[in-house]
PDB file of N, CA and C in Angstrom:
ATOM      1  N   MET A   1      94.739  72.284 114.431  1.00  0.00           N
ATOM      2  CA  MET A   1      94.603  72.401 113.000  1.00  0.00           C
ATOM      3  C   MET A   1      95.944  72.140 112.348  1.00  0.00           C
ATOM      4  N   GLU A   2      95.933  71.448 111.258  1.00  0.00           N
ATOM      5  CA  GLU A   2      97.149  71.141 110.521  1.00  0.00           C
ATOM      6  C   GLU A   2      97.247  72.083 109.331  1.00  0.00           C
ATOM      7  N   LEU A   3      98.464  72.565 109.042  1.00  0.00           N
ATOM      8  CA  LEU A   3      98.659  73.527 107.969  1.00  0.00           C
ATOM      9  C   LEU A   3      99.702  73.000 107.000  1.00  0.00           C
ATOM     10  N   ALA A   4      99.356  72.975 105.716  1.00  0.00           N
ATOM     11  CA  ALA A   4     100.310  72.581 104.679  1.00  0.00           C
ATOM     12  C   ALA A   4     101.107  73.822 104.286  1.00  0.00           C
ATOM     13  N   LEU A   5     102.397  73.843 104.574  1.00  0.00           N
ATOM     14  CA  LEU A   5     103.210  75.025 104.325  1.00  0.00           C
ATOM     15  C   LEU A   5     103.218  75.479 102.863  1.00  0.00           C
ATOM     16  N   PRO A   6     103.254  74.569 101.883  1.00  0.00           N
ATOM     17  CA  PRO A   6     103.205  75.058 100.503  1.00  0.00           C
ATOM     18  C   PRO A   6     101.965  75.893 100.218  1.00  0.00           C
ATOM     19  N   ARG A   7     100.818  75.521 100.780  1.00  0.00           N
ATOM     20  CA  ARG A   7      99.599  76.319 100.576  1.00  0.00           C
ATOM     21  C   ARG A   7      99.729  77.694 101.211  1.00  0.00           C
ATOM     22  N   LEU A   8     100.392  77.757 102.363  1.00  0.00           N
ATOM     23  CA  LEU A   8     100.615  79.045 103.009  1.00  0.00           C
ATOM     24  C   LEU A   8     101.442  79.941 102.093  1.00  0.00           C
ATOM     25  N   PHE A   9     102.510  79.387 101.536  1.00  0.00           N
ATOM     26  CA  PHE A   9     103.390  80.170 100.681  1.00  0.00           C
ATOM     27  C   PHE A   9     102.692  80.630  99.401  1.00  0.00           C
ATOM     28  N   PHE A  10     101.734  79.871  98.922  1.00  0.00           N
ATOM     29  CA  PHE A  10     101.024  80.252  97.702  1.00  0.00           C
ATOM     30  C   PHE A  10      99.732  81.002  98.012  1.00  0.00           C
ATOM     31  N   LYS A  11      99.649  81.551  99.218  1.00  0.00           N
ATOM     32  CA  LYS A  11      98.568  82.429  99.648  1.00  0.00           C
ATOM     33  C   LYS A  11      97.193  81.771  99.642  1.00  0.00           C
ATOM     34  N   HIS A  12      97.144  80.513  99.998  1.00  0.00           N
ATOM     35  CA  HIS A  12      95.863  79.849 100.138  1.00  0.00           C
ATOM     36  C   HIS A  12      95.392  79.866 101.587  1.00  0.00           C
ATOM     37  N   HIS A  13      96.219  80.407 102.481  1.00  0.00           N
ATOM     38  CA  HIS A  13      95.873  80.519 103.893  1.00  0.00           C
ATOM     39  C   HIS A  13      96.226  81.915 104.368  1.00  0.00           C
ATOM     40  N   GLU A  14      95.504  82.376 105.342  1.00  0.00           N
ATOM     41  CA  GLU A  14      95.817  83.626 106.005  1.00  0.00           C
ATOM     42  C   GLU A  14      95.890  83.318 107.492  1.00  0.00           C
ATOM     43  N   ILE A  15      96.948  83.734 108.127  1.00  0.00           N
ATOM     44  CA  ILE A  15      97.124  83.480 109.552  1.00  0.00           C
ATOM     45  C   ILE A  15      96.785  84.758 110.306  1.00  0.00           C
ATOM     46  N   ILE A  16      95.842  84.654 111.214  1.00  0.00           N
ATOM     47  CA  ILE A  16      95.419  85.789 112.018  1.00  0.00           C
ATOM     48  C   ILE A  16      95.644  85.407 113.474  1.00  0.00           C
ATOM     49  N   GLY A  17      96.366  86.241 114.184  1.00  0.00           N
ATOM     50  CA  GLY A  17      96.671  85.922 115.571  1.00  0.00           C
ATOM     51  C   GLY A  17      95.870  86.764 116.543  1.00  0.00           C
ATOM     52  N   SER A  18      95.614  86.198 117.681  1.00  0.00           N
ATOM     53  CA  SER A  18      94.928  86.916 118.747  1.00  0.00           C
ATOM     54  C   SER A  18      95.268  86.240 120.061  1.00  0.00           C
ATOM     55  N   THR A  19      95.337  87.018 121.104  1.00  0.00           N
ATOM     56  CA  THR A  19      95.645  86.432 122.404  1.00  0.00           C
ATOM     57  C   THR A  19      94.400  86.131 123.208  1.00  0.00           C
ATOM     58  N   MET A  20      93.227  86.529 122.670  1.00  0.00           N
ATOM     59  CA  MET A  20      92.000  86.243 123.408  1.00  0.00           C
ATOM     60  C   MET A  20      90.807  86.302 122.463  1.00  0.00           C
ATOM     61  N   GLY A  21      89.709  85.753 122.917  1.00  0.00           N
ATOM     62  CA  GLY A  21      88.473  85.818 122.146  1.00  0.00           C
ATOM     63  C   GLY A  21      88.221  84.555 121.345  1.00  0.00           C
ATOM     64  N   SER A  22      86.946  84.355 121.046  1.00  0.00           N
ATOM     65  CA  SER A  22      86.528  83.190 120.271  1.00  0.00           C
ATOM     66  C   SER A  22      86.442  83.555 118.790  1.00  0.00           C
ATOM     67  N   HIS A  23      86.176  82.562 117.951  1.00  0.00           N
ATOM     68  CA  HIS A  23      85.982  82.807 116.520  1.00  0.00           C
ATOM     69  C   HIS A  23      84.776  83.717 116.296  1.00  0.00           C
ATOM     70  N   GLU A  24      83.744  83.523 117.092  1.00  0.00           N
ATOM     71  CA  GLU A  24      82.545  84.350 116.970  1.00  0.00           C
ATOM     72  C   GLU A  24      82.852  85.814 117.314  1.00  0.00           C
ATOM     73  N   GLU A  25      83.640  86.025 118.361  1.00  0.00           N
ATOM     74  CA  GLU A  25      84.010  87.387 118.738  1.00  0.00           C
ATOM     75  C   GLU A  25      84.888  88.027 117.668  1.00  0.00           C
ATOM     76  N   TRP A  26      85.789  87.235 117.093  1.00  0.00           N
ATOM     77  CA  TRP A  26      86.645  87.744 116.013  1.00  0.00           C
ATOM     78  C   TRP A  26      85.776  88.172 114.828  1.00  0.00           C
ATOM     79  N   ALA A  27      84.796  87.356 114.459  1.00  0.00           N
ATOM     80  CA  ALA A  27      83.900  87.692 113.347  1.00  0.00           C
ATOM     81  C   ALA A  27      83.136  88.980 113.640  1.00  0.00           C
ATOM     82  N   GLU A  28      82.730  89.172 114.884  1.00  0.00           N
ATOM     83  CA  GLU A  28      82.014  90.392 115.263  1.00  0.00           C
ATOM     84  C   GLU A  28      82.910  91.619 115.112  1.00  0.00           C
ATOM     85  N   VAL A  29      84.164  91.508 115.526  1.00  0.00           N
ATOM     86  CA  VAL A  29      85.103  92.620 115.403  1.00  0.00           C
ATOM     87  C   VAL A  29      85.355  92.931 113.927  1.00  0.00           C
ATOM     88  N   VAL A  30      85.517  91.904 113.114  1.00  0.00           N
ATOM     89  CA  VAL A  30      85.723  92.115 111.679  1.00  0.00           C
ATOM     90  C   VAL A  30      84.531  92.856 111.083  1.00  0.00           C
ATOM     91  N   ASP A  31      83.326  92.474 111.467  1.00  0.00           N
ATOM     92  CA  ASP A  31      82.117  93.153 110.980  1.00  0.00           C
ATOM     93  C   ASP A  31      82.096  94.620 111.428  1.00  0.00           C
ATOM     94  N   LEU A  32      82.502  94.876 112.669  1.00  0.00           N
ATOM     95  CA  LEU A  32      82.524  96.251 113.177  1.00  0.00           C
ATOM     96  C   LEU A  32      83.521  97.112 112.408  1.00  0.00           C
ATOM     97  N   VAL A  33      84.692  96.566 112.126  1.00  0.00           N
ATOM     98  CA  VAL A  33      85.695  97.311 111.359  1.00  0.00           C
ATOM     99  C   VAL A  33      85.178  97.560 109.941  1.00  0.00           C
ATOM    100  N   ALA A  34      84.556  96.544 109.335  1.00  0.00           N
ATOM    101  CA  ALA A  34      84.002  96.708 107.989  1.00  0.00           C
ATOM    102  C   ALA A  34      82.904  97.766 107.966  1.00  0.00           C
ATOM    103  N   ALA A  35      82.205  97.931 109.090  1.00  0.00           N
ATOM    104  CA  ALA A  35      81.129  98.921 109.179  1.00  0.00           C
ATOM    105  C   ALA A  35      81.662 100.322 109.499  1.00  0.00           C
ATOM    106  N   GLY A  36      82.971 100.438 109.697  1.00  0.00           N
ATOM    107  CA  GLY A  36      83.548 101.759 109.907  1.00  0.00           C
ATOM    108  C   GLY A  36      84.138 102.026 111.268  1.00  0.00           C
ATOM    109  N   LEU A  37      84.195 101.021 112.148  1.00  0.00           N
ATOM    110  CA  LEU A  37      84.826 101.221 113.445  1.00  0.00           C
ATOM    111  C   LEU A  37      86.272 101.669 113.229  1.00  0.00           C
ATOM    112  N   PRO A  38      86.657 102.812 113.786  1.00  0.00           N
ATOM    113  CA  PRO A  38      88.029 103.269 113.554  1.00  0.00           C
ATOM    114  C   PRO A  38      89.047 102.386 114.283  1.00  0.00           C
ATOM    115  N   VAL A  39      90.137 102.123 113.614  1.00  0.00           N
ATOM    116  CA  VAL A  39      91.240 101.364 114.192  1.00  0.00           C
ATOM    117  C   VAL A  39      92.451 102.289 114.195  1.00  0.00           C
ATOM    118  N   VAL A  40      93.006 102.531 115.357  1.00  0.00           N
ATOM    119  CA  VAL A  40      94.150 103.428 115.478  1.00  0.00           C
ATOM    120  C   VAL A  40      95.428 102.613 115.291  1.00  0.00           C
ATOM    121  N   VAL A  41      96.216 103.008 114.292  1.00  0.00           N
ATOM    122  CA  VAL A  41      97.492 102.349 114.019  1.00  0.00           C
ATOM    123  C   VAL A  41      98.597 103.336 114.351  1.00  0.00           C
ATOM    124  N   ASP A  42      99.417 102.969 115.310  1.00  0.00           N
ATOM    125  CA  ASP A  42     100.539 103.816 115.724  1.00  0.00           C
ATOM    126  C   ASP A  42     101.586 103.874 114.627  1.00  0.00           C
ATOM    127  N   GLY A  43     101.831 102.727 113.993  1.00  0.00           N
ATOM    128  CA  GLY A  43     102.832 102.700 112.940  1.00  0.00           C
ATOM    129  C   GLY A  43     102.901 101.352 112.263  1.00  0.00           C
ATOM    130  N   VAL A  44     103.476 101.369 111.061  1.00  0.00           N
ATOM    131  CA  VAL A  44     103.739 100.148 110.303  1.00  0.00           C
ATOM    132  C   VAL A  44     105.247  99.968 110.292  1.00  0.00           C
ATOM    133  N   VAL A  45     105.698  98.813 110.776  1.00  0.00           N
ATOM    134  CA  VAL A  45     107.118  98.569 110.993  1.00  0.00           C
ATOM    135  C   VAL A  45     107.558  97.369 110.163  1.00  0.00           C
ATOM    136  N   PRO A  46     108.688  97.477 109.460  1.00  0.00           N
ATOM    137  CA  PRO A  46     109.194  96.304 108.751  1.00  0.00           C
ATOM    138  C   PRO A  46     109.434  95.149 109.720  1.00  0.00           C
ATOM    139  N   LEU A  47     109.170  93.941 109.270  1.00  0.00           N
ATOM    140  CA  LEU A  47     109.333  92.760 110.109  1.00  0.00           C
ATOM    141  C   LEU A  47     110.740  92.688 110.710  1.00  0.00           C
ATOM    142  N   ALA A  48     111.723  93.147 109.966  1.00  0.00           N
ATOM    143  CA  ALA A  48     113.109  93.108 110.455  1.00  0.00           C
ATOM    144  C   ALA A  48     113.302  93.996 111.694  1.00  0.00           C
ATOM    145  N   ASP A  49     112.430  94.981 111.871  1.00  0.00           N
ATOM    146  CA  ASP A  49     112.535  95.888 113.022  1.00  0.00           C
ATOM    147  C   ASP A  49     111.647  95.458 114.188  1.00  0.00           C
ATOM    148  N   TYR A  50     111.235  94.201 114.190  1.00  0.00           N
ATOM    149  CA  TYR A  50     110.375  93.672 115.248  1.00  0.00           C
ATOM    150  C   TYR A  50     110.923  93.938 116.649  1.00  0.00           C
ATOM    151  N   PRO A  51     112.223  93.722 116.901  1.00  0.00           N
ATOM    152  CA  PRO A  51     112.721  93.949 118.270  1.00  0.00           C
ATOM    153  C   PRO A  51     112.488  95.386 118.756  1.00  0.00           C
ATOM    154  N   GLU A  52     112.690  96.374 117.881  1.00  0.00           N
ATOM    155  CA  GLU A  52     112.464  97.766 118.256  1.00  0.00           C
ATOM    156  C   GLU A  52     110.976  98.021 118.517  1.00  0.00           C
ATOM    157  N   ALA A  53     110.107  97.419 117.692  1.00  0.00           N
ATOM    158  CA  ALA A  53     108.659  97.573 117.882  1.00  0.00           C
ATOM    159  C   ALA A  53     108.240  96.973 119.226  1.00  0.00           C
ATOM    160  N   LEU A  54     108.814  95.841 119.575  1.00  0.00           N
ATOM    161  CA  LEU A  54     108.492  95.205 120.849  1.00  0.00           C
ATOM    162  C   LEU A  54     108.934  96.076 122.022  1.00  0.00           C
ATOM    163  N   LEU A  55     110.088  96.691 121.907  1.00  0.00           N
ATOM    164  CA  LEU A  55     110.549  97.599 122.957  1.00  0.00           C
ATOM    165  C   LEU A  55     109.588  98.783 123.106  1.00  0.00           C
ATOM    166  N   ARG A  56     109.086  99.284 121.981  1.00  0.00           N
ATOM    167  CA  ARG A  56     108.112 100.389 122.018  1.00  0.00           C
ATOM    168  C   ARG A  56     106.843  99.956 122.760  1.00  0.00           C
ATOM    169  N   LEU A  57     106.383  98.729 122.473  1.00  0.00           N
ATOM    170  CA  LEU A  57     105.201  98.202 123.166  1.00  0.00           C
ATOM    171  C   LEU A  57     105.462  98.036 124.658  1.00  0.00           C
ATOM    172  N   GLU A  58     106.600  97.451 124.987  1.00  0.00           N
ATOM    173  CA  GLU A  58     106.928  97.213 126.397  1.00  0.00           C
ATOM    174  C   GLU A  58     107.021  98.519 127.179  1.00  0.00           C
ATOM    175  N   ALA A  59     107.491  99.578 126.530  1.00  0.00           N
ATOM    176  CA  ALA A  59     107.620 100.867 127.197  1.00  0.00           C
ATOM    177  C   ALA A  59     106.293 101.625 127.237  1.00  0.00           C
ATOM    178  N   GLY A  60     105.285 101.118 126.513  1.00  0.00           N
ATOM    179  CA  GLY A  60     103.989 101.777 126.480  1.00  0.00           C
ATOM    180  C   GLY A  60     104.011 103.089 125.714  1.00  0.00           C
ATOM    181  N   GLU A  61     104.903 103.195 124.745  1.00  0.00           N
ATOM    182  CA  GLU A  61     105.061 104.440 123.994  1.00  0.00           C
ATOM    183  C   GLU A  61     104.103 104.559 122.808  1.00  0.00           C
ATOM    184  N   GLN A  62     103.447 103.469 122.437  1.00  0.00           N
ATOM    185  CA  GLN A  62     102.590 103.489 121.250  1.00  0.00           C
ATOM    186  C   GLN A  62     101.196 104.006 121.593  1.00  0.00           C
ATOM    187  N   LEU A  63     100.533 104.548 120.583  1.00  0.00           N
ATOM    188  CA  LEU A  63      99.134 104.934 120.709  1.00  0.00           C
ATOM    189  C   LEU A  63      98.397 104.173 119.613  1.00  0.00           C
ATOM    190  N   GLY A  64      97.831 103.048 119.943  1.00  0.00           N
ATOM    191  CA  GLY A  64      97.176 102.193 118.956  1.00  0.00           C
ATOM    192  C   GLY A  64      98.010 100.965 118.660  1.00  0.00           C
ATOM    193  N   LYS A  65      97.691 100.352 117.537  1.00  0.00           N
ATOM    194  CA  LYS A  65      98.344  99.106 117.143  1.00  0.00           C
ATOM    195  C   LYS A  65      99.655  99.372 116.422  1.00  0.00           C
ATOM    196  N   ILE A  66     100.571  98.439 116.544  1.00  0.00           N
ATOM    197  CA  ILE A  66     101.789  98.449 115.736  1.00  0.00           C
ATOM    198  C   ILE A  66     101.658  97.272 114.771  1.00  0.00           C
ATOM    199  N   VAL A  67     101.750  97.573 113.494  1.00  0.00           N
ATOM    200  CA  VAL A  67     101.585  96.568 112.448  1.00  0.00           C
ATOM    201  C   VAL A  67     102.961  96.167 111.945  1.00  0.00           C
ATOM    202  N   LEU A  68     103.221  94.858 111.916  1.00  0.00           N
ATOM    203  CA  LEU A  68     104.469  94.347 111.346  1.00  0.00           C
ATOM    204  C   LEU A  68     104.219  94.004 109.885  1.00  0.00           C
ATOM    205  N   GLN A  69     105.070  94.514 109.008  1.00  0.00           N
ATOM    206  CA  GLN A  69     104.884  94.283 107.580  1.00  0.00           C
ATOM    207  C   GLN A  69     105.970  93.347 107.055  1.00  0.00           C
ATOM    208  N   HIS A  70     105.518  92.269 106.429  1.00  0.00           N
ATOM    209  CA  HIS A  70     106.428  91.302 105.809  1.00  0.00           C
ATOM    210  C   HIS A  70     107.037  91.941 104.568  1.00  0.00           C
ATOM    211  N   PRO A  71     108.314  91.661 104.272  1.00  0.00           N
ATOM    212  CA  PRO A  71     108.969  92.294 103.117  1.00  0.00           C
ATOM    213  C   PRO A  71     108.214  92.106 101.793  1.00  0.00           C
ATOM    214  N   THR A  72     107.635  90.946 101.570  1.00  0.00           N
ATOM    215  CA  THR A  72     106.934  90.745 100.293  1.00  0.00           C
ATOM    216  C   THR A  72     105.603  91.490 100.272  1.00  0.00           C
ATOM    217  N   ALA A  73     105.027  91.786 101.442  1.00  0.00           N
ATOM    218  CA  ALA A  73     103.781  92.548 101.494  1.00  0.00           C
ATOM    219  C   ALA A  73     104.014  93.987 101.068  1.00  0.00           C
ATOM    220  N   ALA A  74     105.212  94.508 101.338  1.00  0.00           N
ATOM    221  CA  ALA A  74     105.540  95.877 100.943  1.00  0.00           C
ATOM    222  C   ALA A  74     105.570  96.001  99.430  1.00  0.00           C
ATOM    223  N   ALA A  75     105.960  94.945  98.754  1.00  0.00           N
ATOM    224  CA  ALA A  75     106.015  94.965  97.294  1.00  0.00           C
ATOM    225  C   ALA A  75     104.642  94.804  96.662  1.00  0.00           C
ATOM    226  N   HIS A  76     103.687  94.230  97.420  1.00  0.00           N
ATOM    227  CA  HIS A  76     102.334  93.989  96.914  1.00  0.00           C
ATOM    228  C   HIS A  76     101.308  94.467  97.938  1.00  0.00           C
ATOM    229  N   PRO A  77     101.174  95.788  98.136  1.00  0.00           N
ATOM    230  CA  PRO A  77     100.228  96.261  99.149  1.00  0.00           C
ATOM    231  C   PRO A  77      98.786  95.947  98.792  1.00  0.00           C
ATOM    232  N   ARG A  78      97.964  95.746  99.845  1.00  0.00           N
ATOM    233  CA  ARG A  78      96.540  95.519  99.639  1.00  0.00           C
ATOM    234  C   ARG A  78      95.881  96.833  99.254  1.00  0.00           C
ATOM    235  N   THR A  79      94.842  96.735  98.466  1.00  0.00           N
ATOM    236  CA  THR A  79      94.116  97.954  98.086  1.00  0.00           C
ATOM    237  C   THR A  79      92.798  98.015  98.782  1.00  0.00           C
TER     238      THR A  79
END
């Protein structure tokens, strides 16, 4: 897939990463979360602290997901 960077910057694209699963499986998980499946978040970490978050993951110290937050997302949180 080709991505036009200006569109990304103007929020016309959303990038979602995954290390496994098909588009159909991703859609199923999204539906499950929308239906109330609990998602455990260990913490929200500023993007600048990514190296420390990675060390936490490598050590297996987290309980749930670690979310990386982009600096501009902190200024405009989702509701």
